Structures are given as structure tokens and as C-alpha cells.
PDB file of N, CA and C in Angstrom:
ATOM      1  N   MET A   1      13.008  -8.891   6.865  1.00  0.00           N
ATOM      2  CA  MET A   1      13.494  -7.552   7.118  1.00  0.00           C
ATOM      3  C   MET A   1      12.932  -7.090   8.450  1.00  0.00           C
ATOM      4  N   THR A   2      13.618  -6.155   9.083  1.00  0.00           N
ATOM      5  CA  THR A   2      13.119  -5.620  10.353  1.00  0.00           C
ATOM      6  C   THR A   2      12.274  -4.380  10.084  1.00  0.00           C
ATOM      7  N   LEU A   3      11.417  -4.055  11.014  1.00  0.00           N
ATOM      8  CA  LEU A   3      10.475  -2.951  10.847  1.00  0.00           C
ATOM      9  C   LEU A   3      11.182  -1.627  10.590  1.00  0.00           C
ATOM     10  N   ASP A   4      12.341  -1.397  11.184  1.00  0.00           N
ATOM     11  CA  ASP A   4      13.034  -0.131  10.994  1.00  0.00           C
ATOM     12  C   ASP A   4      13.499   0.078   9.553  1.00  0.00           C
ATOM     13  N   LEU A   5      13.618  -0.995   8.772  1.00  0.00           N
ATOM     14  CA  LEU A   5      14.075  -0.907   7.382  1.00  0.00           C
ATOM     15  C   LEU A   5      12.933  -0.813   6.374  1.00  0.00           C
ATOM     16  N   LEU A   6      11.703  -0.938   6.839  1.00  0.00           N
ATOM     17  CA  LEU A   6      10.546  -0.891   5.961  1.00  0.00           C
ATOM     18  C   LEU A   6      10.435   0.497   5.322  1.00  0.00           C
ATOM     19  N   PRO A   7      10.286   0.565   4.004  1.00  0.00           N
ATOM     20  CA  PRO A   7      10.131   1.877   3.361  1.00  0.00           C
ATOM     21  C   PRO A   7       8.861   2.592   3.832  1.00  0.00           C
ATOM     22  N   ILE A   8       8.914   3.895   3.882  1.00  0.00           N
ATOM     23  CA  ILE A   8       7.755   4.694   4.291  1.00  0.00           C
ATOM     24  C   ILE A   8       6.580   4.400   3.363  1.00  0.00           C
ATOM     25  N   GLY A   9       5.424   4.146   3.958  1.00  0.00           N
ATOM     26  CA  GLY A   9       4.198   3.909   3.214  1.00  0.00           C
ATOM     27  C   GLY A   9       3.948   2.472   2.817  1.00  0.00           C
ATOM     28  N   GLN A  10       4.950   1.606   2.869  1.00  0.00           N
ATOM     29  CA  GLN A  10       4.751   0.204   2.509  1.00  0.00           C
ATOM     30  C   GLN A  10       4.110  -0.538   3.667  1.00  0.00           C
ATOM     31  N   ARG A  11       3.077  -1.286   3.365  1.00  0.00           N
ATOM     32  CA  ARG A  11       2.392  -2.071   4.393  1.00  0.00           C
ATOM     33  C   ARG A  11       3.117  -3.398   4.603  1.00  0.00           C
ATOM     34  N   ALA A  12       3.081  -3.869   5.844  1.00  0.00           N
ATOM     35  CA  ALA A  12       3.733  -5.138   6.172  1.00  0.00           C
ATOM     36  C   ALA A  12       2.998  -5.793   7.328  1.00  0.00           C
ATOM     37  N   GLN A  13       3.337  -7.052   7.551  1.00  0.00           N
ATOM     38  CA  GLN A  13       2.785  -7.800   8.683  1.00  0.00           C
ATOM     39  C   GLN A  13       3.945  -8.231   9.565  1.00  0.00           C
ATOM     40  N   ILE A  14       3.767  -8.062  10.872  1.00  0.00           N
ATOM     41  CA  ILE A  14       4.800  -8.483  11.821  1.00  0.00           C
ATOM     42  C   ILE A  14       4.776 -10.009  11.900  1.00  0.00           C
ATOM     43  N   THR A  15       5.950 -10.621  11.660  1.00  0.00           N
ATOM     44  CA  THR A  15       6.041 -12.086  11.666  1.00  0.00           C
ATOM     45  C   THR A  15       6.741 -12.629  12.904  1.00  0.00           C
ATOM     46  N   ALA A  16       7.552 -11.803  13.576  1.00  0.00           N
ATOM     47  CA  ALA A  16       8.249 -12.235  14.788  1.00  0.00           C
ATOM     48  C   ALA A  16       8.691 -11.008  15.571  1.00  0.00           C
ATOM     49  N   VAL A  17       8.731 -11.152  16.894  1.00  0.00           N
ATOM     50  CA  VAL A  17       9.189 -10.073  17.776  1.00  0.00           C
ATOM     51  C   VAL A  17      10.120 -10.676  18.816  1.00  0.00           C
ATOM     52  N   ASP A  18      11.301 -10.065  18.986  1.00  0.00           N
ATOM     53  CA  ASP A  18      12.243 -10.486  20.019  1.00  0.00           C
ATOM     54  C   ASP A  18      11.960  -9.651  21.272  1.00  0.00           C
ATOM     55  N   TRP A  19      11.027 -10.120  22.076  1.00  0.00           N
ATOM     56  CA  TRP A  19      10.616  -9.363  23.266  1.00  0.00           C
ATOM     57  C   TRP A  19      11.731  -9.279  24.301  1.00  0.00           C
ATOM     58  N   SER A  20      12.713 -10.160  24.234  1.00  0.00           N
ATOM     59  CA  SER A  20      13.775 -10.183  25.243  1.00  0.00           C
ATOM     60  C   SER A  20      14.691  -8.957  25.180  1.00  0.00           C
ATOM     61  N   CYS A  21      14.657  -8.213  24.089  1.00  0.00           N
ATOM     62  CA  CYS A  21      15.548  -7.060  23.979  1.00  0.00           C
ATOM     63  C   CYS A  21      14.916  -5.775  24.523  1.00  0.00           C
ATOM     64  N   MET A  22      13.746  -5.874  25.135  1.00  0.00           N
ATOM     65  CA  MET A  22      13.120  -4.689  25.735  1.00  0.00           C
ATOM     66  C   MET A  22      12.636  -5.004  27.143  1.00  0.00           C
ATOM     67  N   ALA A  23      12.459  -3.955  27.900  1.00  0.00           N
ATOM     68  CA  ALA A  23      11.964  -4.112  29.274  1.00  0.00           C
ATOM     69  C   ALA A  23      10.543  -4.686  29.239  1.00  0.00           C
ATOM     70  N   GLU A  24      10.188  -5.455  30.250  1.00  0.00           N
ATOM     71  CA  GLU A  24       8.875  -6.094  30.317  1.00  0.00           C
ATOM     72  C   GLU A  24       7.736  -5.075  30.214  1.00  0.00           C
ATOM     73  N   GLU A  25       7.893  -3.905  30.865  1.00  0.00           N
ATOM     74  CA  GLU A  25       6.846  -2.881  30.822  1.00  0.00           C
ATOM     75  C   GLU A  25       6.664  -2.352  29.398  1.00  0.00           C
ATOM     76  N   GLU A  26       7.780  -2.174  28.686  1.00  0.00           N
ATOM     77  CA  GLU A  26       7.700  -1.696  27.302  1.00  0.00           C
ATOM     78  C   GLU A  26       7.017  -2.732  26.415  1.00  0.00           C
ATOM     79  N   ALA A  27       7.370  -3.997  26.591  1.00  0.00           N
ATOM     80  CA  ALA A  27       6.764  -5.072  25.812  1.00  0.00           C
ATOM     81  C   ALA A  27       5.258  -5.144  26.067  1.00  0.00           C
ATOM     82  N   GLN A  28       4.846  -5.036  27.312  1.00  0.00           N
ATOM     83  CA  GLN A  28       3.413  -5.067  27.648  1.00  0.00           C
ATOM     84  C   GLN A  28       2.677  -3.896  27.014  1.00  0.00           C
ATOM     85  N   ARG A  29       3.297  -2.716  27.054  1.00  0.00           N
ATOM     86  CA  ARG A  29       2.686  -1.520  26.480  1.00  0.00           C
ATOM     87  C   ARG A  29       2.497  -1.684  24.967  1.00  0.00           C
ATOM     88  N   LEU A  30       3.508  -2.202  24.293  1.00  0.00           N
ATOM     89  CA  LEU A  30       3.403  -2.395  22.847  1.00  0.00           C
ATOM     90  C   LEU A  30       2.326  -3.418  22.505  1.00  0.00           C
ATOM     91  N   ARG A  31       2.270  -4.503  23.260  1.00  0.00           N
ATOM     92  CA  ARG A  31       1.218  -5.506  23.026  1.00  0.00           C
ATOM     93  C   ARG A  31      -0.167  -4.903  23.248  1.00  0.00           C
ATOM     94  N   ALA A  32      -0.302  -4.072  24.267  1.00  0.00           N
ATOM     95  CA  ALA A  32      -1.593  -3.439  24.556  1.00  0.00           C
ATOM     96  C   ALA A  32      -2.043  -2.520  23.413  1.00  0.00           C
ATOM     97  N   MET A  33      -1.070  -1.982  22.678  1.00  0.00           N
ATOM     98  CA  MET A  33      -1.400  -1.112  21.536  1.00  0.00           C
ATOM     99  C   MET A  33      -1.602  -1.912  20.253  1.00  0.00           C
ATOM    100  N   GLY A  34      -1.509  -3.229  20.339  1.00  0.00           N
ATOM    101  CA  GLY A  34      -1.746  -4.072  19.177  1.00  0.00           C
ATOM    102  C   GLY A  34      -0.511  -4.393  18.367  1.00  0.00           C
ATOM    103  N   ILE A  35       0.669  -4.054  18.886  1.00  0.00           N
ATOM    104  CA  ILE A  35       1.916  -4.351  18.176  1.00  0.00           C
ATOM    105  C   ILE A  35       2.403  -5.718  18.639  1.00  0.00           C
ATOM    106  N   ASP A  36       2.131  -6.728  17.810  1.00  0.00           N
ATOM    107  CA  ASP A  36       2.494  -8.107  18.127  1.00  0.00           C
ATOM    108  C   ASP A  36       2.494  -8.897  16.826  1.00  0.00           C
ATOM    109  N   VAL A  37       2.867 -10.151  16.879  1.00  0.00           N
ATOM    110  CA  VAL A  37       2.888 -11.003  15.698  1.00  0.00           C
ATOM    111  C   VAL A  37       1.501 -11.012  15.053  1.00  0.00           C
ATOM    112  N   GLY A  38       1.473 -10.824  13.746  1.00  0.00           N
ATOM    113  CA  GLY A  38       0.212 -10.815  13.004  1.00  0.00           C
ATOM    114  C   GLY A  38      -0.320  -9.427  12.724  1.00  0.00           C
ATOM    115  N   ALA A  39       0.153  -8.419  13.444  1.00  0.00           N
ATOM    116  CA  ALA A  39      -0.342  -7.054  13.244  1.00  0.00           C
ATOM    117  C   ALA A  39       0.113  -6.518  11.890  1.00  0.00           C
ATOM    118  N   ARG A  40      -0.745  -5.782  11.235  1.00  0.00           N
ATOM    119  CA  ARG A  40      -0.415  -5.120   9.969  1.00  0.00           C
ATOM    120  C   ARG A  40       0.006  -3.695  10.299  1.00  0.00           C
ATOM    121  N   VAL A  41       1.164  -3.323   9.783  1.00  0.00           N
ATOM    122  CA  VAL A  41       1.758  -2.026  10.121  1.00  0.00           C
ATOM    123  C   VAL A  41       2.288  -1.334   8.870  1.00  0.00           C
ATOM    124  N   ALA A  42       2.570  -0.037   9.013  1.00  0.00           N
ATOM    125  CA  ALA A  42       3.228   0.751   7.967  1.00  0.00           C
ATOM    126  C   ALA A  42       3.949   1.903   8.650  1.00  0.00           C
ATOM    127  N   ILE A  43       5.107   2.274   8.136  1.00  0.00           N
ATOM    128  CA  ILE A  43       5.841   3.434   8.645  1.00  0.00           C
ATOM    129  C   ILE A  43       5.281   4.664   7.941  1.00  0.00           C
ATOM    130  N   SER A  44       4.853   5.652   8.706  1.00  0.00           N
ATOM    131  CA  SER A  44       4.358   6.880   8.077  1.00  0.00           C
ATOM    132  C   SER A  44       5.381   8.005   8.119  1.00  0.00           C
ATOM    133  N   HIS A  45       6.248   8.026   9.128  1.00  0.00           N
ATOM    134  CA  HIS A  45       7.286   9.061   9.240  1.00  0.00           C
ATOM    135  C   HIS A  45       8.471   8.510  10.015  1.00  0.00           C
ATOM    136  N   ARG A  46       9.636   9.113   9.751  1.00  0.00           N
ATOM    137  CA  ARG A  46      10.837   8.826  10.538  1.00  0.00           C
ATOM    138  C   ARG A  46      11.334  10.140  11.112  1.00  0.00           C
ATOM    139  N   GLY A  47      11.918  10.077  12.313  1.00  0.00           N
ATOM    140  CA  GLY A  47      12.533  11.261  12.896  1.00  0.00           C
ATOM    141  C   GLY A  47      13.667  11.752  12.011  1.00  0.00           C
ATOM    142  N   VAL A  48      14.016  13.013  12.153  1.00  0.00           N
ATOM    143  CA  VAL A  48      15.031  13.594  11.275  1.00  0.00           C
ATOM    144  C   VAL A  48      16.402  13.721  11.931  1.00  0.00           C
ATOM    145  N   LEU A  49      16.475  13.552  13.218  1.00  0.00           N
ATOM    146  CA  LEU A  49      17.747  13.740  13.912  1.00  0.00           C
ATOM    147  C   LEU A  49      18.477  12.432  14.149  1.00  0.00           C
ATOM    148  N   GLY A  50      19.779  12.472  14.104  1.00  0.00           N
ATOM    149  CA  GLY A  50      20.650  11.369  14.506  1.00  0.00           C
ATOM    150  C   GLY A  50      20.236  10.006  14.024  1.00  0.00           C
ATOM    151  N   GLY A  51      19.715   9.175  14.916  1.00  0.00           N
ATOM    152  CA  GLY A  51      19.341   7.801  14.601  1.00  0.00           C
ATOM    153  C   GLY A  51      17.993   7.659  13.946  1.00  0.00           C
ATOM    154  N   ARG A  52      17.420   8.780  13.502  1.00  0.00           N
ATOM    155  CA  ARG A  52      16.103   8.779  12.845  1.00  0.00           C
ATOM    156  C   ARG A  52      15.022   8.253  13.781  1.00  0.00           C
ATOM    157  N   ASP A  53      15.125   8.635  15.036  1.00  0.00           N
ATOM    158  CA  ASP A  53      14.153   8.272  16.064  1.00  0.00           C
ATOM    159  C   ASP A  53      13.211   9.433  16.294  1.00  0.00           C
ATOM    160  N   PRO A  54      11.986   9.216  16.659  1.00  0.00           N
ATOM    161  CA  PRO A  54      11.249   7.953  16.666  1.00  0.00           C
ATOM    162  C   PRO A  54      10.656   7.668  15.289  1.00  0.00           C
ATOM    163  N   LEU A  55      10.059   6.494  15.160  1.00  0.00           N
ATOM    164  CA  LEU A  55       9.329   6.123  13.957  1.00  0.00           C
ATOM    165  C   LEU A  55       7.847   6.293  14.246  1.00  0.00           C
ATOM    166  N   ALA A  56       7.113   6.829  13.289  1.00  0.00           N
ATOM    167  CA  ALA A  56       5.653   6.881  13.406  1.00  0.00           C
ATOM    168  C   ALA A  56       5.125   5.659  12.664  1.00  0.00           C
ATOM    169  N   VAL A  57       4.527   4.741  13.399  1.00  0.00           N
ATOM    170  CA  VAL A  57       4.051   3.481  12.834  1.00  0.00           C
ATOM    171  C   VAL A  57       2.532   3.461  12.883  1.00  0.00           C
ATOM    172  N   MET A  58       1.924   3.163  11.748  1.00  0.00           N
ATOM    173  CA  MET A  58       0.473   3.013  11.696  1.00  0.00           C
ATOM    174  C   MET A  58       0.137   1.559  12.010  1.00  0.00           C
ATOM    175  N   VAL A  59      -0.697   1.371  13.009  1.00  0.00           N
ATOM    176  CA  VAL A  59      -1.207   0.049  13.382  1.00  0.00           C
ATOM    177  C   VAL A  59      -2.712   0.160  13.214  1.00  0.00           C
ATOM    178  N   GLY A  60      -3.225  -0.356  12.121  1.00  0.00           N
ATOM    179  CA  GLY A  60      -4.621  -0.111  11.787  1.00  0.00           C
ATOM    180  C   GLY A  60      -4.781   1.368  11.471  1.00  0.00           C
ATOM    181  N   ARG A  61      -5.682   2.047  12.164  1.00  0.00           N
ATOM    182  CA  ARG A  61      -5.869   3.490  11.970  1.00  0.00           C
ATOM    183  C   ARG A  61      -5.194   4.312  13.050  1.00  0.00           C
ATOM    184  N   MET A  62      -4.440   3.662  13.931  1.00  0.00           N
ATOM    185  CA  MET A  62      -3.788   4.337  15.047  1.00  0.00           C
ATOM    186  C   MET A  62      -2.313   4.571  14.724  1.00  0.00           C
ATOM    187  N   ALA A  63      -1.825   5.788  14.994  1.00  0.00           N
ATOM    188  CA  ALA A  63      -0.406   6.100  14.830  1.00  0.00           C
ATOM    189  C   ALA A  63       0.286   5.937  16.181  1.00  0.00           C
ATOM    190  N   VAL A  64       1.419   5.240  16.176  1.00  0.00           N
ATOM    191  CA  VAL A  64       2.180   4.964  17.393  1.00  0.00           C
ATOM    192  C   VAL A  64       3.618   5.415  17.181  1.00  0.00           C
ATOM    193  N   ALA A  65       4.165   6.162  18.134  1.00  0.00           N
ATOM    194  CA  ALA A  65       5.585   6.528  18.090  1.00  0.00           C
ATOM    195  C   ALA A  65       6.368   5.359  18.664  1.00  0.00           C
ATOM    196  N   LEU A  66       7.342   4.889  17.902  1.00  0.00           N
ATOM    197  CA  LEU A  66       8.088   3.700  18.278  1.00  0.00           C
ATOM    198  C   LEU A  66       9.580   3.984  18.193  1.00  0.00           C
ATOM    199  N   ARG A  67      10.301   3.589  19.220  1.00  0.00           N
ATOM    200  CA  ARG A  67      11.753   3.743  19.187  1.00  0.00           C
ATOM    201  C   ARG A  67      12.338   2.828  18.118  1.00  0.00           C
ATOM    202  N   ARG A  68      13.376   3.307  17.472  1.00  0.00           N
ATOM    203  CA  ARG A  68      14.037   2.501  16.446  1.00  0.00           C
ATOM    204  C   ARG A  68      14.578   1.212  17.057  1.00  0.00           C
ATOM    205  N   ALA A  69      15.066   1.265  18.292  1.00  0.00           N
ATOM    206  CA  ALA A  69      15.593   0.067  18.959  1.00  0.00           C
ATOM    207  C   ALA A  69      14.517  -1.009  19.097  1.00  0.00           C
ATOM    208  N   HIS A  70      13.270  -0.616  19.256  1.00  0.00           N
ATOM    209  CA  HIS A  70      12.175  -1.584  19.325  1.00  0.00           C
ATOM    210  C   HIS A  70      11.821  -2.103  17.946  1.00  0.00           C
ATOM    211  N   ALA A  71      11.856  -1.225  16.948  1.00  0.00           N
ATOM    212  CA  ALA A  71      11.535  -1.619  15.583  1.00  0.00           C
ATOM    213  C   ALA A  71      12.540  -2.644  15.052  1.00  0.00           C
ATOM    214  N   VAL A  72      13.789  -2.551  15.487  1.00  0.00           N
ATOM    215  CA  VAL A  72      14.822  -3.501  15.077  1.00  0.00           C
ATOM    216  C   VAL A  72      14.495  -4.915  15.567  1.00  0.00           C
ATOM    217  N   ALA A  73      13.755  -5.030  16.653  1.00  0.00           N
ATOM    218  CA  ALA A  73      13.421  -6.327  17.235  1.00  0.00           C
ATOM    219  C   ALA A  73      12.227  -6.980  16.555  1.00  0.00           C
ATOM    220  N   MET A  74      11.643  -6.310  15.555  1.00  0.00           N
ATOM    221  CA  MET A  74      10.429  -6.823  14.894  1.00  0.00           C
ATOM    222  C   MET A  74      10.709  -7.201  13.457  1.00  0.00           C
ATOM    223  N   GLN A  75      10.468  -8.457  13.139  1.00  0.00           N
ATOM    224  CA  GLN A  75      10.594  -8.948  11.769  1.00  0.00           C
ATOM    225  C   GLN A  75       9.265  -8.745  11.047  1.00  0.00           C
ATOM    226  N   VAL A  76       9.332  -8.245   9.811  1.00  0.00           N
ATOM    227  CA  VAL A  76       8.125  -8.005   9.038  1.00  0.00           C
ATOM    228  C   VAL A  76       8.264  -8.598   7.639  1.00  0.00           C
ATOM    229  N   GLU A  77       7.120  -8.869   7.019  1.00  0.00           N
ATOM    230  CA  GLU A  77       7.049  -9.267   5.628  1.00  0.00           C
ATOM    231  C   GLU A  77       6.087  -8.316   4.931  1.00  0.00           C
ATOM    232  N   PRO A  78       6.478  -7.797   3.770  1.00  0.00           N
ATOM    233  CA  PRO A  78       5.567  -6.914   3.035  1.00  0.00           C
ATOM    234  C   PRO A  78       4.224  -7.598   2.800  1.00  0.00           C
ATOM    235  N   ALA A  79       3.163  -6.816   2.948  1.00  0.00           N
ATOM    236  CA  ALA A  79       1.803  -7.376   2.785  1.00  0.00           C
ATOM    237  C   ALA A  79       1.214  -6.990   1.452  1.00  0.00           C
TER     238      ALA A  79
END
């Protein structure tokens, strides 16, 4: 399943990321925040407008706002 489909509050581990669907600067920024293969994540909130953007993703104890388009590029497995 992709990260954007993960139910709120369910923990998961990122198993694959399609970095080619984002700009190099965005990919570097996400990696610097610890969002990469092996990271344990959970969705804490979804936006309420239109495409439900942005997603609030917990990476460890840090909350990160993530575009839904980026979350679609991340495969996760429930942990």
C-alpha cells in the first residue's frame, strides 16, 4: 500500500520510494528529515480540502507535513 492510503494512527515502515517522481531538491529534503526506506511512520492528520493535502506524518517523534503526491510515491507495510 502507499503511504497516502495508510489509516490515521496506524504505524508502518517505508519499504520503497520512487524518488524519480519528485524534484531532486524535494527528495534530498525528505531524506534529510529521515523519510527513506526503513523509516517507521504514521499519519496523524489529513488536510480537509480538495485532495486532502497536506498529510501530517509522524517520523519518530517529529511531525512532517507531506504532500499527498509524495506520499503516493512511498510504499509502506503495516508495522
